[in-house]
Amino acid sequence: GYICIWAGGQMVGDYAEGELLTTTATHFKRTIAHIGKRNNPKLNEQSSESALELIDSMIYKTDKGTPEGKLYERYKRYSKFVICPGGGEPFDGWLAILLEDLNFDRFIWQQCTHDRKVNEVKLPKQEYESTVQTFLTWFDSEKM
């Protein structure tokens, strides 16, 4: 099947890249398991560029010699914010995070293989979860 995320009128992911939707459904199911756990006042105070760069560096950029235990702790602490990469080939080359605030959620992303422009859209609370849950409900109904 084919899938992408629409955010602020922009496509996140490569819709033309086909994918086994089971991979995407499994990944998105994991992302909604973190709903309510992504509120981090220090990240919320940062610009979209700074927040994305911090999470990218904590998870994907490691210095040689960093102890494995420290890498695991960083991954555990910051991976809950990551929406992409993950979900299959349509989302390869993309970095997207979700930050929860008291009144809205911040969906921040960039396509890492092109202009690397950082984008952000503020979502009403639980819009991400609701959208993913709608996809998962549809997906489960199609499997039968």
N, C-alpha and C. Protein backbone atom coordinates (compact mmCIF):
# COMPACT_ATOMS: atom_id res chain seq x y z
N GLY A 1 0.82 -1.18 0.00
CA GLY A 1 0.00 0.00 0.00
C GLY A 1 0.87 1.25 0.00
N TYR A 2 0.20 2.35 0.01
CA TYR A 2 0.88 3.66 -0.02
C TYR A 2 0.39 4.50 1.13
N ILE A 3 1.33 5.22 1.76
CA ILE A 3 0.96 6.01 2.94
C ILE A 3 1.92 7.19 3.10
N CYS A 4 1.42 8.24 3.70
CA CYS A 4 2.23 9.38 4.13
C CYS A 4 1.44 10.07 5.24
N ILE A 5 2.01 11.08 5.82
CA ILE A 5 1.34 11.91 6.82
C ILE A 5 1.15 13.29 6.20
N TRP A 6 -0.01 13.87 6.37
CA TRP A 6 -0.23 15.26 5.95
C TRP A 6 -0.21 16.13 7.20
N ALA A 7 0.60 17.18 7.17
CA ALA A 7 0.72 18.09 8.31
C ALA A 7 0.82 19.51 7.78
N GLY A 8 -0.09 20.35 8.18
CA GLY A 8 -0.05 21.74 7.73
C GLY A 8 -0.08 21.87 6.22
N GLY A 9 -0.78 20.96 5.55
CA GLY A 9 -0.87 21.01 4.09
C GLY A 9 0.36 20.48 3.37
N GLN A 10 1.29 19.89 4.11
CA GLN A 10 2.52 19.36 3.52
C GLN A 10 2.60 17.86 3.75
N MET A 11 3.16 17.17 2.78
CA MET A 11 3.31 15.73 2.87
C MET A 11 4.60 15.38 3.62
N VAL A 12 4.46 14.49 4.59
CA VAL A 12 5.60 13.95 5.33
C VAL A 12 5.69 12.49 4.94
N GLY A 13 6.77 12.13 4.28
CA GLY A 13 6.93 10.77 3.76
C GLY A 13 6.85 10.79 2.25
N ASP A 14 7.22 9.69 1.66
CA ASP A 14 7.22 9.55 0.21
C ASP A 14 6.08 8.63 -0.19
N TYR A 15 4.94 9.22 -0.57
CA TYR A 15 3.74 8.46 -0.90
C TYR A 15 3.98 7.47 -2.03
N ALA A 16 4.86 7.81 -2.94
CA ALA A 16 5.12 6.95 -4.11
C ALA A 16 5.88 5.68 -3.73
N GLU A 17 6.45 5.68 -2.55
CA GLU A 17 7.23 4.52 -2.07
C GLU A 17 6.27 3.51 -1.44
N GLY A 18 6.04 2.41 -2.10
CA GLY A 18 5.13 1.39 -1.59
C GLY A 18 5.68 0.74 -0.34
N GLU A 19 4.79 0.20 0.47
CA GLU A 19 5.20 -0.41 1.74
C GLU A 19 4.15 -1.43 2.16
N LEU A 20 4.60 -2.45 2.83
CA LEU A 20 3.70 -3.38 3.48
C LEU A 20 3.08 -2.63 4.66
N LEU A 21 1.79 -2.34 4.61
CA LEU A 21 1.18 -1.47 5.60
C LEU A 21 1.18 -2.06 7.01
N THR A 22 1.42 -3.35 7.13
CA THR A 22 1.54 -3.95 8.46
C THR A 22 2.71 -3.32 9.21
N THR A 23 3.80 -3.05 8.51
CA THR A 23 4.96 -2.40 9.12
C THR A 23 4.58 -1.02 9.65
N THR A 24 3.87 -0.26 8.82
CA THR A 24 3.45 1.09 9.21
C THR A 24 2.48 1.04 10.38
N ALA A 25 1.50 0.15 10.33
CA ALA A 25 0.51 0.05 11.40
C ALA A 25 1.18 -0.32 12.73
N THR A 26 2.11 -1.25 12.68
CA THR A 26 2.82 -1.66 13.90
C THR A 26 3.60 -0.48 14.48
N HIS A 27 4.28 0.25 13.62
CA HIS A 27 5.05 1.41 14.10
C HIS A 27 4.13 2.48 14.68
N PHE A 28 3.07 2.85 13.96
CA PHE A 28 2.19 3.91 14.44
C PHE A 28 1.48 3.51 15.74
N LYS A 29 1.20 2.21 15.89
CA LYS A 29 0.61 1.73 17.14
C LYS A 29 1.57 2.01 18.30
N ARG A 30 2.86 1.79 18.06
CA ARG A 30 3.86 2.09 19.10
C ARG A 30 3.91 3.58 19.41
N THR A 31 3.74 4.42 18.38
CA THR A 31 3.83 5.87 18.64
C THR A 31 2.69 6.36 19.51
N ILE A 32 1.50 5.80 19.35
CA ILE A 32 0.39 6.29 20.19
C ILE A 32 0.46 5.73 21.60
N ALA A 33 1.28 4.72 21.82
CA ALA A 33 1.48 4.21 23.19
C ALA A 33 2.15 5.25 24.08
N HIS A 34 2.80 6.25 23.46
CA HIS A 34 3.51 7.28 24.21
C HIS A 34 2.67 8.55 24.43
N ILE A 35 1.42 8.53 23.99
CA ILE A 35 0.57 9.71 24.18
C ILE A 35 0.49 10.01 25.68
N GLY A 36 0.63 11.28 26.02
CA GLY A 36 0.60 11.70 27.41
C GLY A 36 1.96 11.64 28.09
N LYS A 37 2.98 11.16 27.37
CA LYS A 37 4.32 11.03 27.94
C LYS A 37 5.35 11.90 27.23
N ARG A 38 4.88 12.80 26.37
CA ARG A 38 5.79 13.60 25.56
C ARG A 38 5.84 15.07 26.00
N ASN A 39 5.44 15.35 27.20
CA ASN A 39 5.49 16.73 27.69
C ASN A 39 6.85 16.95 28.34
N ASN A 40 7.64 17.82 27.74
CA ASN A 40 8.96 18.14 28.25
C ASN A 40 9.12 19.66 28.17
N PRO A 41 8.95 20.36 29.29
CA PRO A 41 8.99 21.83 29.27
C PRO A 41 10.25 22.40 28.61
N LYS A 42 11.41 21.78 28.82
CA LYS A 42 12.64 22.30 28.21
C LYS A 42 12.60 22.18 26.70
N LEU A 43 12.09 21.06 26.18
CA LEU A 43 11.95 20.92 24.73
C LEU A 43 10.90 21.88 24.18
N ASN A 44 9.80 22.04 24.92
CA ASN A 44 8.73 22.91 24.46
C ASN A 44 9.15 24.38 24.38
N GLU A 45 10.14 24.76 25.16
CA GLU A 45 10.64 26.14 25.13
C GLU A 45 11.54 26.39 23.93
N GLN A 46 12.03 25.34 23.32
CA GLN A 46 12.99 25.49 22.23
C GLN A 46 12.30 25.74 20.89
N SER A 47 13.07 26.34 19.99
CA SER A 47 12.57 26.50 18.62
C SER A 47 12.40 25.12 18.01
N SER A 48 11.65 25.04 16.93
CA SER A 48 11.46 23.75 16.26
C SER A 48 12.80 23.18 15.80
N GLU A 49 13.69 24.03 15.28
CA GLU A 49 15.00 23.58 14.82
C GLU A 49 15.81 22.99 15.97
N SER A 50 15.83 23.69 17.10
CA SER A 50 16.62 23.23 18.25
C SER A 50 16.07 21.93 18.83
N ALA A 51 14.76 21.83 18.94
CA ALA A 51 14.15 20.62 19.49
C ALA A 51 14.43 19.42 18.59
N LEU A 52 14.28 19.61 17.29
CA LEU A 52 14.54 18.51 16.35
C LEU A 52 16.01 18.10 16.38
N GLU A 53 16.89 19.07 16.41
CA GLU A 53 18.33 18.79 16.44
C GLU A 53 18.72 18.06 17.73
N LEU A 54 18.14 18.48 18.85
CA LEU A 54 18.46 17.83 20.12
C LEU A 54 18.06 16.35 20.09
N ILE A 55 16.86 16.07 19.67
CA ILE A 55 16.40 14.68 19.64
C ILE A 55 17.20 13.88 18.63
N ASP A 56 17.47 14.46 17.47
CA ASP A 56 18.30 13.79 16.46
C ASP A 56 19.67 13.44 17.04
N SER A 57 20.30 14.39 17.72
CA SER A 57 21.64 14.14 18.24
C SER A 57 21.63 13.15 19.40
N MET A 58 20.61 13.16 20.21
CA MET A 58 20.54 12.24 21.34
C MET A 58 20.32 10.79 20.91
N ILE A 59 19.63 10.60 19.79
CA ILE A 59 19.30 9.23 19.36
C ILE A 59 20.20 8.73 18.24
N TYR A 60 20.45 9.57 17.26
CA TYR A 60 21.08 9.08 16.03
C TYR A 60 22.54 9.47 15.85
N LYS A 61 23.01 10.45 16.61
CA LYS A 61 24.40 10.88 16.46
C LYS A 61 25.15 10.54 17.73
N THR A 62 26.06 9.61 17.61
CA THR A 62 26.78 9.18 18.80
C THR A 62 28.27 9.38 18.61
N ASP A 63 28.93 9.72 19.68
CA ASP A 63 30.38 9.84 19.67
C ASP A 63 30.98 8.47 19.91
N LYS A 64 32.07 8.19 19.24
CA LYS A 64 32.78 6.94 19.51
C LYS A 64 33.24 6.98 20.96
N GLY A 65 33.09 5.87 21.61
CA GLY A 65 33.52 5.80 22.99
C GLY A 65 32.42 6.09 24.00
N THR A 66 31.23 6.50 23.53
CA THR A 66 30.13 6.70 24.46
C THR A 66 29.70 5.34 25.00
N PRO A 67 29.65 5.18 26.31
CA PRO A 67 29.28 3.88 26.87
C PRO A 67 27.89 3.43 26.39
N GLU A 68 27.76 2.14 26.15
CA GLU A 68 26.52 1.58 25.63
C GLU A 68 25.34 1.88 26.56
N GLY A 69 25.58 1.82 27.86
CA GLY A 69 24.52 2.12 28.83
C GLY A 69 24.00 3.54 28.68
N LYS A 70 24.90 4.48 28.44
CA LYS A 70 24.50 5.88 28.25
C LYS A 70 23.69 6.04 26.97
N LEU A 71 24.11 5.36 25.90
CA LEU A 71 23.37 5.41 24.64
C LEU A 71 21.95 4.88 24.83
N TYR A 72 21.83 3.77 25.56
CA TYR A 72 20.52 3.18 25.81
C TYR A 72 19.64 4.13 26.62
N GLU A 73 20.21 4.76 27.63
CA GLU A 73 19.45 5.71 28.46
C GLU A 73 18.95 6.89 27.62
N ARG A 74 19.82 7.41 26.75
CA ARG A 74 19.41 8.51 25.87
C ARG A 74 18.29 8.06 24.95
N TYR A 75 18.43 6.86 24.38
CA TYR A 75 17.39 6.34 23.49
C TYR A 75 16.06 6.21 24.24
N LYS A 76 16.11 5.63 25.43
CA LYS A 76 14.90 5.45 26.22
C LYS A 76 14.24 6.79 26.54
N ARG A 77 15.04 7.78 26.84
CA ARG A 77 14.51 9.09 27.23
C ARG A 77 13.91 9.86 26.06
N TYR A 78 14.52 9.77 24.86
CA TYR A 78 14.12 10.63 23.75
C TYR A 78 13.35 9.93 22.63
N SER A 79 13.39 8.61 22.55
CA SER A 79 12.74 7.92 21.42
C SER A 79 11.22 8.09 21.44
N LYS A 80 10.63 8.33 22.59
CA LYS A 80 9.17 8.49 22.66
C LYS A 80 8.67 9.69 21.86
N PHE A 81 9.55 10.64 21.56
CA PHE A 81 9.16 11.82 20.80
C PHE A 81 9.17 11.57 19.30
N VAL A 82 9.84 10.51 18.86
CA VAL A 82 10.06 10.28 17.43
C VAL A 82 8.85 9.62 16.77
N ILE A 83 8.38 10.23 15.69
CA ILE A 83 7.33 9.64 14.86
C ILE A 83 7.97 9.01 13.61
N CYS A 84 8.91 9.70 13.02
CA CYS A 84 9.67 9.18 11.87
C CYS A 84 11.14 9.45 12.16
N PRO A 85 12.09 8.61 11.78
CA PRO A 85 11.90 7.48 10.90
C PRO A 85 11.20 6.35 11.64
N GLY A 86 10.79 5.41 10.88
CA GLY A 86 10.00 4.29 11.37
C GLY A 86 8.75 4.22 10.52
N GLY A 87 8.13 3.09 10.49
CA GLY A 87 6.91 2.95 9.71
C GLY A 87 7.16 2.51 8.29
N GLY A 88 8.41 2.19 7.97
CA GLY A 88 8.70 1.66 6.65
C GLY A 88 9.36 2.65 5.72
N GLU A 89 9.59 2.19 4.50
CA GLU A 89 10.34 2.96 3.51
C GLU A 89 9.75 4.32 3.17
N PRO A 90 8.44 4.53 3.20
CA PRO A 90 7.94 5.87 2.88
C PRO A 90 8.49 6.95 3.81
N PHE A 91 8.96 6.55 5.00
CA PHE A 91 9.42 7.53 5.99
C PHE A 91 10.94 7.51 6.17
N ASP A 92 11.63 6.73 5.35
CA ASP A 92 13.10 6.78 5.36
C ASP A 92 13.54 8.16 4.87
N GLY A 93 14.52 8.73 5.51
CA GLY A 93 15.00 10.05 5.11
C GLY A 93 14.19 11.19 5.69
N TRP A 94 13.30 10.90 6.61
CA TRP A 94 12.49 11.92 7.28
C TRP A 94 12.75 11.84 8.77
N LEU A 95 12.70 12.97 9.44
CA LEU A 95 12.75 13.01 10.90
C LEU A 95 11.55 13.84 11.35
N ALA A 96 10.70 13.23 12.16
CA ALA A 96 9.52 13.93 12.68
C ALA A 96 9.37 13.59 14.15
N ILE A 97 9.02 14.60 14.94
CA ILE A 97 8.82 14.42 16.37
C ILE A 97 7.49 15.03 16.77
N LEU A 98 6.98 14.57 17.90
CA LEU A 98 5.76 15.12 18.47
C LEU A 98 6.05 15.54 19.90
N LEU A 99 5.82 16.80 20.20
CA LEU A 99 5.98 17.34 21.55
C LEU A 99 4.60 17.71 22.07
N GLU A 100 4.30 17.31 23.28
CA GLU A 100 3.00 17.62 23.88
C GLU A 100 3.15 18.80 24.83
N ASP A 101 2.25 19.73 24.71
CA ASP A 101 2.19 20.86 25.62
C ASP A 101 0.82 20.78 26.31
N LEU A 102 0.56 21.67 27.21
CA LEU A 102 -0.72 21.62 27.92
C LEU A 102 -1.91 21.89 27.01
N ASN A 103 -1.75 22.82 26.04
CA ASN A 103 -2.89 23.24 25.22
C ASN A 103 -2.87 22.73 23.79
N PHE A 104 -1.74 22.24 23.33
CA PHE A 104 -1.62 21.78 21.94
C PHE A 104 -0.41 20.86 21.83
N ASP A 105 -0.28 20.21 20.69
CA ASP A 105 0.88 19.38 20.41
C ASP A 105 1.66 20.02 19.26
N ARG A 106 2.96 19.87 19.30
CA ARG A 106 3.83 20.40 18.24
C ARG A 106 4.33 19.23 17.40
N PHE A 107 3.97 19.21 16.13
CA PHE A 107 4.48 18.21 15.19
C PHE A 107 5.56 18.91 14.38
N ILE A 108 6.80 18.43 14.50
CA ILE A 108 7.96 19.08 13.89
C ILE A 108 8.64 18.05 12.99
N TRP A 109 9.01 18.45 11.78
CA TRP A 109 9.62 17.50 10.86
C TRP A 109 10.55 18.17 9.87
N GLN A 110 11.37 17.32 9.25
CA GLN A 110 12.21 17.75 8.14
C GLN A 110 12.50 16.54 7.25
N GLN A 111 12.67 16.83 5.98
CA GLN A 111 13.13 15.80 5.06
C GLN A 111 14.64 15.89 5.03
N CYS A 112 15.29 14.87 5.53
CA CYS A 112 16.74 14.91 5.74
C CYS A 112 17.54 14.75 4.46
N THR A 113 16.91 14.35 3.39
CA THR A 113 17.64 14.09 2.15
C THR A 113 17.57 15.24 1.15
N HIS A 114 16.77 16.27 1.44
CA HIS A 114 16.66 17.39 0.50
C HIS A 114 17.10 18.68 1.17
N ASP A 115 16.24 19.66 1.21
CA ASP A 115 16.63 20.99 1.69
C ASP A 115 16.80 21.08 3.21
N ARG A 116 16.38 20.05 3.93
CA ARG A 116 16.51 19.98 5.38
C ARG A 116 15.77 21.10 6.11
N LYS A 117 14.83 21.76 5.43
CA LYS A 117 14.04 22.80 6.07
C LYS A 117 13.19 22.18 7.18
N VAL A 118 13.21 22.81 8.35
CA VAL A 118 12.43 22.33 9.48
C VAL A 118 11.04 22.98 9.42
N ASN A 119 10.02 22.15 9.57
CA ASN A 119 8.63 22.61 9.54
C ASN A 119 7.96 22.28 10.86
N GLU A 120 6.95 23.05 11.19
CA GLU A 120 6.19 22.78 12.42
C GLU A 120 4.74 23.15 12.22
N VAL A 121 3.89 22.34 12.81
CA VAL A 121 2.47 22.66 12.87
C VAL A 121 1.99 22.36 14.29
N LYS A 122 1.17 23.25 14.82
CA LYS A 122 0.57 23.02 16.13
C LYS A 122 -0.75 22.30 15.92
N LEU A 123 -0.90 21.19 16.61
CA LEU A 123 -2.10 20.37 16.48
C LEU A 123 -2.96 20.49 17.73
N PRO A 124 -4.27 20.46 17.56
CA PRO A 124 -5.12 20.37 18.75
C PRO A 124 -4.76 19.10 19.54
N LYS A 125 -4.92 19.14 20.84
CA LYS A 125 -4.62 17.98 21.68
C LYS A 125 -5.30 16.75 21.11
N GLN A 126 -4.59 15.66 21.08
CA GLN A 126 -5.05 14.33 20.68
C GLN A 126 -5.39 14.18 19.20
N GLU A 127 -5.09 15.18 18.37
CA GLU A 127 -5.37 15.04 16.94
C GLU A 127 -4.48 13.96 16.32
N TYR A 128 -3.22 13.92 16.71
CA TYR A 128 -2.33 12.88 16.19
C TYR A 128 -2.87 11.50 16.56
N GLU A 129 -3.17 11.31 17.83
CA GLU A 129 -3.67 10.02 18.30
C GLU A 129 -4.95 9.63 17.57
N SER A 130 -5.87 10.57 17.42
CA SER A 130 -7.13 10.30 16.75
C SER A 130 -6.93 9.91 15.29
N THR A 131 -6.02 10.61 14.61
CA THR A 131 -5.75 10.32 13.21
C THR A 131 -5.12 8.94 13.06
N VAL A 132 -4.15 8.62 13.89
CA VAL A 132 -3.51 7.31 13.83
C VAL A 132 -4.52 6.22 14.17
N GLN A 133 -5.34 6.47 15.18
CA GLN A 133 -6.34 5.46 15.56
C GLN A 133 -7.33 5.22 14.42
N THR A 134 -7.70 6.25 13.69
CA THR A 134 -8.59 6.08 12.53
C THR A 134 -7.93 5.21 11.48
N PHE A 135 -6.64 5.45 11.21
CA PHE A 135 -5.89 4.61 10.27
C PHE A 135 -5.86 3.16 10.76
N LEU A 136 -5.55 2.95 12.04
CA LEU A 136 -5.45 1.59 12.58
C LEU A 136 -6.79 0.86 12.53
N THR A 137 -7.88 1.57 12.80
CA THR A 137 -9.21 0.97 12.72
C THR A 137 -9.50 0.55 11.29
N TRP A 138 -9.21 1.43 10.34
CA TRP A 138 -9.40 1.09 8.92
C TRP A 138 -8.53 -0.11 8.55
N PHE A 139 -7.26 -0.08 8.94
CA PHE A 139 -6.33 -1.15 8.60
C PHE A 139 -6.82 -2.49 9.15
N ASP A 140 -7.25 -2.51 10.41
CA ASP A 140 -7.75 -3.75 11.01
C ASP A 140 -8.98 -4.26 10.29
N SER A 141 -9.85 -3.35 9.84
CA SER A 141 -11.05 -3.79 9.12
C SER A 141 -10.73 -4.36 7.75
N GLU A 142 -9.65 -3.91 7.14
CA GLU A 142 -9.25 -4.39 5.82
C GLU A 142 -8.57 -5.75 5.87
N LYS A 143 -8.03 -6.11 7.02
CA LYS A 143 -7.31 -7.38 7.17
C LYS A 143 -8.27 -8.57 7.19
N MET A 144 -9.51 -8.33 7.54
CA MET A 144 -10.47 -9.44 7.70
C MET A 144 -10.98 -9.95 6.37
